[in-house]
Amino acid sequence: MKYVVFFECKEKISQSGAIVTAEGTLAVVINEPDGWVEATSRRVNTTEQIPGDVKLFETEEAAVAFIKRWKGHPWYFVPSKNFEVVAVAPKMVTVQQGWERK
């Protein structure tokens, strides 16, 4: 079993004064594809929406320690103190991979 982190965002306002991220927007921590930052995040609608590139933690304690120190990324997804650590398991699907002679 692995763990993932969902968090509520703080409100972020652009330089022009527009709200970029509303207070309480739900996001999940994901892997940054190029590895130039420790992690990034993506907006989600529910904690049931778990993307394939989610950042996995080995223990619940490691997930909690991460979200408590992480400043957020991109700049407009800043974690508030409200977060949820969720246990996850791989979602397996059967797919056809060609044909074999019988």
N, C-alpha and C. Protein backbone atom coordinates (compact mmCIF):
# COMPACT_ATOMS: atom_id res chain seq x y z
N MET A 1 0.85 -1.18 0.00
CA MET A 1 0.00 0.00 0.00
C MET A 1 0.89 1.24 0.00
N LYS A 2 0.44 2.25 -0.69
CA LYS A 2 1.14 3.54 -0.76
C LYS A 2 0.17 4.62 -0.30
N TYR A 3 0.67 5.86 -0.22
CA TYR A 3 -0.14 6.98 0.25
C TYR A 3 0.01 8.17 -0.68
N VAL A 4 -1.08 8.93 -0.83
CA VAL A 4 -1.08 10.16 -1.63
C VAL A 4 -1.64 11.29 -0.78
N VAL A 5 -1.38 12.53 -1.21
CA VAL A 5 -1.82 13.69 -0.43
C VAL A 5 -2.73 14.59 -1.27
N PHE A 6 -3.92 14.85 -0.74
CA PHE A 6 -4.83 15.85 -1.27
C PHE A 6 -4.77 17.04 -0.33
N PHE A 7 -4.90 18.25 -0.87
CA PHE A 7 -4.86 19.42 0.00
C PHE A 7 -5.77 20.51 -0.52
N GLU A 8 -6.21 21.35 0.39
CA GLU A 8 -6.97 22.54 0.03
C GLU A 8 -5.97 23.68 -0.15
N CYS A 9 -6.23 24.50 -1.15
CA CYS A 9 -5.34 25.62 -1.47
C CYS A 9 -5.75 26.89 -0.73
N LYS A 10 -4.76 27.73 -0.51
CA LYS A 10 -5.02 29.09 -0.05
C LYS A 10 -5.41 29.92 -1.27
N GLU A 11 -6.13 31.01 -1.05
CA GLU A 11 -6.48 31.90 -2.15
C GLU A 11 -5.22 32.57 -2.69
N LYS A 12 -5.09 32.61 -4.03
CA LYS A 12 -3.98 33.30 -4.66
C LYS A 12 -4.54 34.29 -5.66
N ILE A 13 -3.99 35.49 -5.63
CA ILE A 13 -4.46 36.58 -6.49
C ILE A 13 -3.34 36.98 -7.43
N SER A 14 -3.67 37.18 -8.70
CA SER A 14 -2.67 37.58 -9.70
C SER A 14 -2.25 39.04 -9.47
N GLN A 15 -1.24 39.48 -10.18
CA GLN A 15 -0.78 40.86 -10.07
C GLN A 15 -1.86 41.84 -10.53
N SER A 16 -2.76 41.40 -11.40
CA SER A 16 -3.84 42.28 -11.87
C SER A 16 -5.02 42.30 -10.90
N GLY A 17 -4.96 41.48 -9.85
CA GLY A 17 -6.01 41.48 -8.85
C GLY A 17 -7.06 40.40 -9.04
N ALA A 18 -6.93 39.60 -10.07
CA ALA A 18 -7.89 38.51 -10.31
C ALA A 18 -7.56 37.32 -9.41
N ILE A 19 -8.59 36.62 -8.97
CA ILE A 19 -8.38 35.41 -8.17
C ILE A 19 -7.96 34.29 -9.11
N VAL A 20 -6.77 33.77 -8.90
CA VAL A 20 -6.24 32.68 -9.72
C VAL A 20 -6.66 31.35 -9.12
N THR A 21 -6.58 31.24 -7.80
CA THR A 21 -6.99 30.03 -7.10
C THR A 21 -7.87 30.44 -5.94
N ALA A 22 -9.08 29.92 -5.91
CA ALA A 22 -10.01 30.24 -4.83
C ALA A 22 -9.64 29.48 -3.56
N GLU A 23 -9.88 30.10 -2.43
CA GLU A 23 -9.68 29.46 -1.13
C GLU A 23 -10.45 28.15 -1.10
N GLY A 24 -9.77 27.07 -0.69
CA GLY A 24 -10.44 25.78 -0.57
C GLY A 24 -10.41 24.92 -1.82
N THR A 25 -9.79 25.41 -2.91
CA THR A 25 -9.68 24.59 -4.12
C THR A 25 -8.95 23.30 -3.76
N LEU A 26 -9.46 22.17 -4.23
CA LEU A 26 -8.86 20.87 -3.92
C LEU A 26 -7.81 20.51 -4.97
N ALA A 27 -6.66 20.04 -4.50
CA ALA A 27 -5.57 19.63 -5.40
C ALA A 27 -4.92 18.38 -4.84
N VAL A 28 -4.16 17.71 -5.70
CA VAL A 28 -3.42 16.52 -5.30
C VAL A 28 -1.95 16.72 -5.69
N VAL A 29 -1.06 16.19 -4.89
CA VAL A 29 0.38 16.28 -5.17
C VAL A 29 0.72 15.24 -6.24
N ILE A 30 1.40 15.69 -7.30
CA ILE A 30 1.81 14.79 -8.38
C ILE A 30 3.30 14.93 -8.61
N ASN A 31 3.85 13.98 -9.37
CA ASN A 31 5.26 14.04 -9.75
C ASN A 31 5.46 15.11 -10.80
N GLU A 32 6.57 15.82 -10.71
CA GLU A 32 6.92 16.80 -11.73
C GLU A 32 7.63 16.02 -12.84
N PRO A 33 7.09 16.03 -14.07
CA PRO A 33 7.61 15.14 -15.11
C PRO A 33 9.08 15.34 -15.47
N ASP A 34 9.60 16.53 -15.35
CA ASP A 34 11.00 16.77 -15.70
C ASP A 34 11.93 16.72 -14.49
N GLY A 35 11.37 16.57 -13.30
CA GLY A 35 12.17 16.41 -12.10
C GLY A 35 12.90 17.65 -11.62
N TRP A 36 12.54 18.83 -12.11
CA TRP A 36 13.28 20.04 -11.70
C TRP A 36 12.78 20.64 -10.40
N VAL A 37 11.62 20.16 -9.91
CA VAL A 37 11.18 20.47 -8.56
C VAL A 37 10.77 19.16 -7.91
N GLU A 38 10.69 19.15 -6.61
CA GLU A 38 10.39 17.93 -5.86
C GLU A 38 9.02 17.34 -6.21
N ALA A 39 8.05 18.20 -6.42
CA ALA A 39 6.69 17.76 -6.75
C ALA A 39 5.92 18.95 -7.29
N THR A 40 4.81 18.66 -7.93
CA THR A 40 3.92 19.70 -8.39
C THR A 40 2.51 19.28 -7.98
N SER A 41 1.51 19.95 -8.48
CA SER A 41 0.15 19.61 -8.06
C SER A 41 -0.84 19.85 -9.19
N ARG A 42 -2.01 19.27 -9.03
CA ARG A 42 -3.06 19.40 -10.03
C ARG A 42 -4.40 19.53 -9.31
N ARG A 43 -5.24 20.39 -9.85
CA ARG A 43 -6.59 20.57 -9.33
C ARG A 43 -7.40 19.29 -9.58
N VAL A 44 -8.19 18.88 -8.60
CA VAL A 44 -9.10 17.75 -8.74
C VAL A 44 -10.46 18.16 -8.17
N ASN A 45 -11.48 17.39 -8.52
CA ASN A 45 -12.82 17.68 -8.01
C ASN A 45 -13.14 16.93 -6.73
N THR A 46 -12.59 15.72 -6.60
CA THR A 46 -12.83 14.90 -5.40
C THR A 46 -11.57 14.12 -5.07
N THR A 47 -11.55 13.54 -3.88
CA THR A 47 -10.43 12.69 -3.49
C THR A 47 -10.53 11.30 -4.12
N GLU A 48 -11.57 11.07 -4.89
CA GLU A 48 -11.69 9.82 -5.65
C GLU A 48 -10.95 9.94 -6.99
N GLN A 49 -10.62 11.15 -7.38
CA GLN A 49 -9.96 11.43 -8.66
C GLN A 49 -8.45 11.37 -8.45
N ILE A 50 -7.86 10.21 -8.72
CA ILE A 50 -6.43 10.00 -8.47
C ILE A 50 -5.72 9.81 -9.81
N PRO A 51 -4.94 10.80 -10.24
CA PRO A 51 -4.26 10.69 -11.54
C PRO A 51 -3.13 9.66 -11.52
N GLY A 52 -2.76 9.18 -12.70
CA GLY A 52 -1.70 8.17 -12.80
C GLY A 52 -0.33 8.68 -12.40
N ASP A 53 -0.11 9.99 -12.46
CA ASP A 53 1.20 10.55 -12.12
C ASP A 53 1.25 11.10 -10.70
N VAL A 54 0.38 10.61 -9.85
CA VAL A 54 0.32 11.07 -8.46
C VAL A 54 1.64 10.73 -7.76
N LYS A 55 2.05 11.60 -6.85
CA LYS A 55 3.28 11.34 -6.07
C LYS A 55 2.94 10.35 -4.96
N LEU A 56 3.67 9.25 -4.91
CA LEU A 56 3.42 8.20 -3.93
C LEU A 56 4.39 8.30 -2.77
N PHE A 57 3.88 8.02 -1.60
CA PHE A 57 4.69 8.00 -0.38
C PHE A 57 4.62 6.60 0.21
N GLU A 58 5.73 6.15 0.77
CA GLU A 58 5.81 4.80 1.33
C GLU A 58 5.01 4.65 2.62
N THR A 59 4.95 5.73 3.41
CA THR A 59 4.23 5.67 4.69
C THR A 59 3.33 6.90 4.84
N GLU A 60 2.35 6.76 5.70
CA GLU A 60 1.47 7.90 6.00
C GLU A 60 2.27 9.01 6.66
N GLU A 61 3.21 8.63 7.50
CA GLU A 61 4.04 9.61 8.20
C GLU A 61 4.88 10.43 7.21
N ALA A 62 5.42 9.77 6.18
CA ALA A 62 6.21 10.47 5.17
C ALA A 62 5.35 11.46 4.39
N ALA A 63 4.11 11.07 4.11
CA ALA A 63 3.19 11.96 3.39
C ALA A 63 2.85 13.19 4.24
N VAL A 64 2.59 12.98 5.51
CA VAL A 64 2.27 14.10 6.41
C VAL A 64 3.47 15.03 6.55
N ALA A 65 4.65 14.46 6.74
CA ALA A 65 5.87 15.29 6.87
C ALA A 65 6.08 16.12 5.60
N PHE A 66 5.85 15.53 4.44
CA PHE A 66 6.02 16.25 3.18
C PHE A 66 5.07 17.44 3.09
N ILE A 67 3.78 17.22 3.27
CA ILE A 67 2.80 18.29 3.07
C ILE A 67 2.95 19.39 4.11
N LYS A 68 3.46 19.08 5.27
CA LYS A 68 3.65 20.11 6.30
C LYS A 68 4.82 21.04 5.98
N ARG A 69 5.80 20.57 5.20
CA ARG A 69 6.95 21.42 4.88
C ARG A 69 6.90 21.98 3.46
N TRP A 70 6.13 21.36 2.58
CA TRP A 70 6.10 21.73 1.16
C TRP A 70 5.41 23.08 0.97
N LYS A 71 5.96 23.93 0.13
CA LYS A 71 5.41 25.27 -0.11
C LYS A 71 4.42 25.30 -1.26
N GLY A 72 4.35 24.21 -2.03
CA GLY A 72 3.43 24.14 -3.16
C GLY A 72 4.09 24.45 -4.48
N HIS A 73 3.48 23.99 -5.53
CA HIS A 73 3.93 24.25 -6.90
C HIS A 73 2.81 23.83 -7.82
N PRO A 74 2.43 24.56 -8.82
CA PRO A 74 2.96 25.87 -9.18
C PRO A 74 2.64 26.92 -8.12
N TRP A 75 3.10 28.13 -8.32
CA TRP A 75 3.01 29.18 -7.29
C TRP A 75 1.58 29.46 -6.85
N TYR A 76 0.60 29.17 -7.69
CA TYR A 76 -0.78 29.50 -7.35
C TYR A 76 -1.52 28.35 -6.66
N PHE A 77 -0.88 27.22 -6.43
CA PHE A 77 -1.45 26.12 -5.63
C PHE A 77 -0.65 26.02 -4.33
N VAL A 78 -1.00 26.83 -3.36
CA VAL A 78 -0.30 26.86 -2.08
C VAL A 78 -1.14 26.11 -1.06
N PRO A 79 -0.57 25.07 -0.44
CA PRO A 79 -1.34 24.28 0.51
C PRO A 79 -1.75 25.09 1.75
N SER A 80 -3.01 24.92 2.14
CA SER A 80 -3.45 25.45 3.43
C SER A 80 -3.11 24.38 4.47
N LYS A 81 -3.60 24.51 5.67
CA LYS A 81 -3.34 23.49 6.69
C LYS A 81 -4.29 22.31 6.56
N ASN A 82 -5.27 22.40 5.64
CA ASN A 82 -6.24 21.33 5.46
C ASN A 82 -5.75 20.37 4.37
N PHE A 83 -5.49 19.14 4.76
CA PHE A 83 -5.04 18.14 3.81
C PHE A 83 -5.57 16.77 4.25
N GLU A 84 -5.52 15.83 3.33
CA GLU A 84 -5.93 14.46 3.63
C GLU A 84 -4.93 13.51 2.99
N VAL A 85 -4.43 12.57 3.78
CA VAL A 85 -3.56 11.52 3.28
C VAL A 85 -4.45 10.30 3.03
N VAL A 86 -4.36 9.75 1.83
CA VAL A 86 -5.23 8.65 1.41
C VAL A 86 -4.37 7.44 1.04
N ALA A 87 -4.74 6.28 1.56
CA ALA A 87 -4.07 5.03 1.18
C ALA A 87 -4.57 4.61 -0.20
N VAL A 88 -3.65 4.16 -1.05
CA VAL A 88 -4.01 3.74 -2.41
C VAL A 88 -3.33 2.41 -2.74
N ALA A 89 -3.90 1.72 -3.70
CA ALA A 89 -3.33 0.49 -4.24
C ALA A 89 -3.40 0.59 -5.76
N PRO A 90 -2.55 -0.14 -6.46
CA PRO A 90 -2.56 -0.06 -7.92
C PRO A 90 -3.92 -0.47 -8.50
N LYS A 91 -4.32 0.22 -9.54
CA LYS A 91 -5.56 -0.09 -10.25
C LYS A 91 -5.14 -0.87 -11.50
N MET A 92 -5.50 -2.13 -11.54
CA MET A 92 -5.07 -3.00 -12.62
C MET A 92 -6.19 -3.17 -13.64
N VAL A 93 -5.81 -3.20 -14.91
CA VAL A 93 -6.77 -3.45 -15.99
C VAL A 93 -6.17 -4.49 -16.93
N THR A 94 -7.02 -5.30 -17.52
CA THR A 94 -6.59 -6.29 -18.49
C THR A 94 -6.74 -5.69 -19.88
N VAL A 95 -5.68 -5.77 -20.66
CA VAL A 95 -5.73 -5.24 -22.02
C VAL A 95 -5.22 -6.30 -22.99
N GLN A 96 -5.78 -6.31 -24.18
CA GLN A 96 -5.31 -7.22 -25.22
C GLN A 96 -4.00 -6.72 -25.76
N GLN A 97 -3.04 -7.65 -25.93
CA GLN A 97 -1.73 -7.28 -26.46
C GLN A 97 -1.43 -8.14 -27.67
N GLY A 98 -2.22 -7.98 -28.70
CA GLY A 98 -1.99 -8.75 -29.91
C GLY A 98 -2.70 -10.09 -29.89
N TRP A 99 -2.18 -11.05 -30.70
CA TRP A 99 -2.81 -12.35 -30.88
C TRP A 99 -1.75 -13.45 -30.76
N GLU A 100 -2.16 -14.64 -30.39
CA GLU A 100 -1.27 -15.79 -30.38
C GLU A 100 -1.96 -16.95 -31.08
N ARG A 101 -1.17 -17.79 -31.72
CA ARG A 101 -1.70 -18.94 -32.47
C ARG A 101 -2.17 -20.02 -31.51
N LYS A 102 -3.31 -20.64 -31.82
CA LYS A 102 -3.88 -21.72 -30.99
C LYS A 102 -3.93 -23.01 -31.77
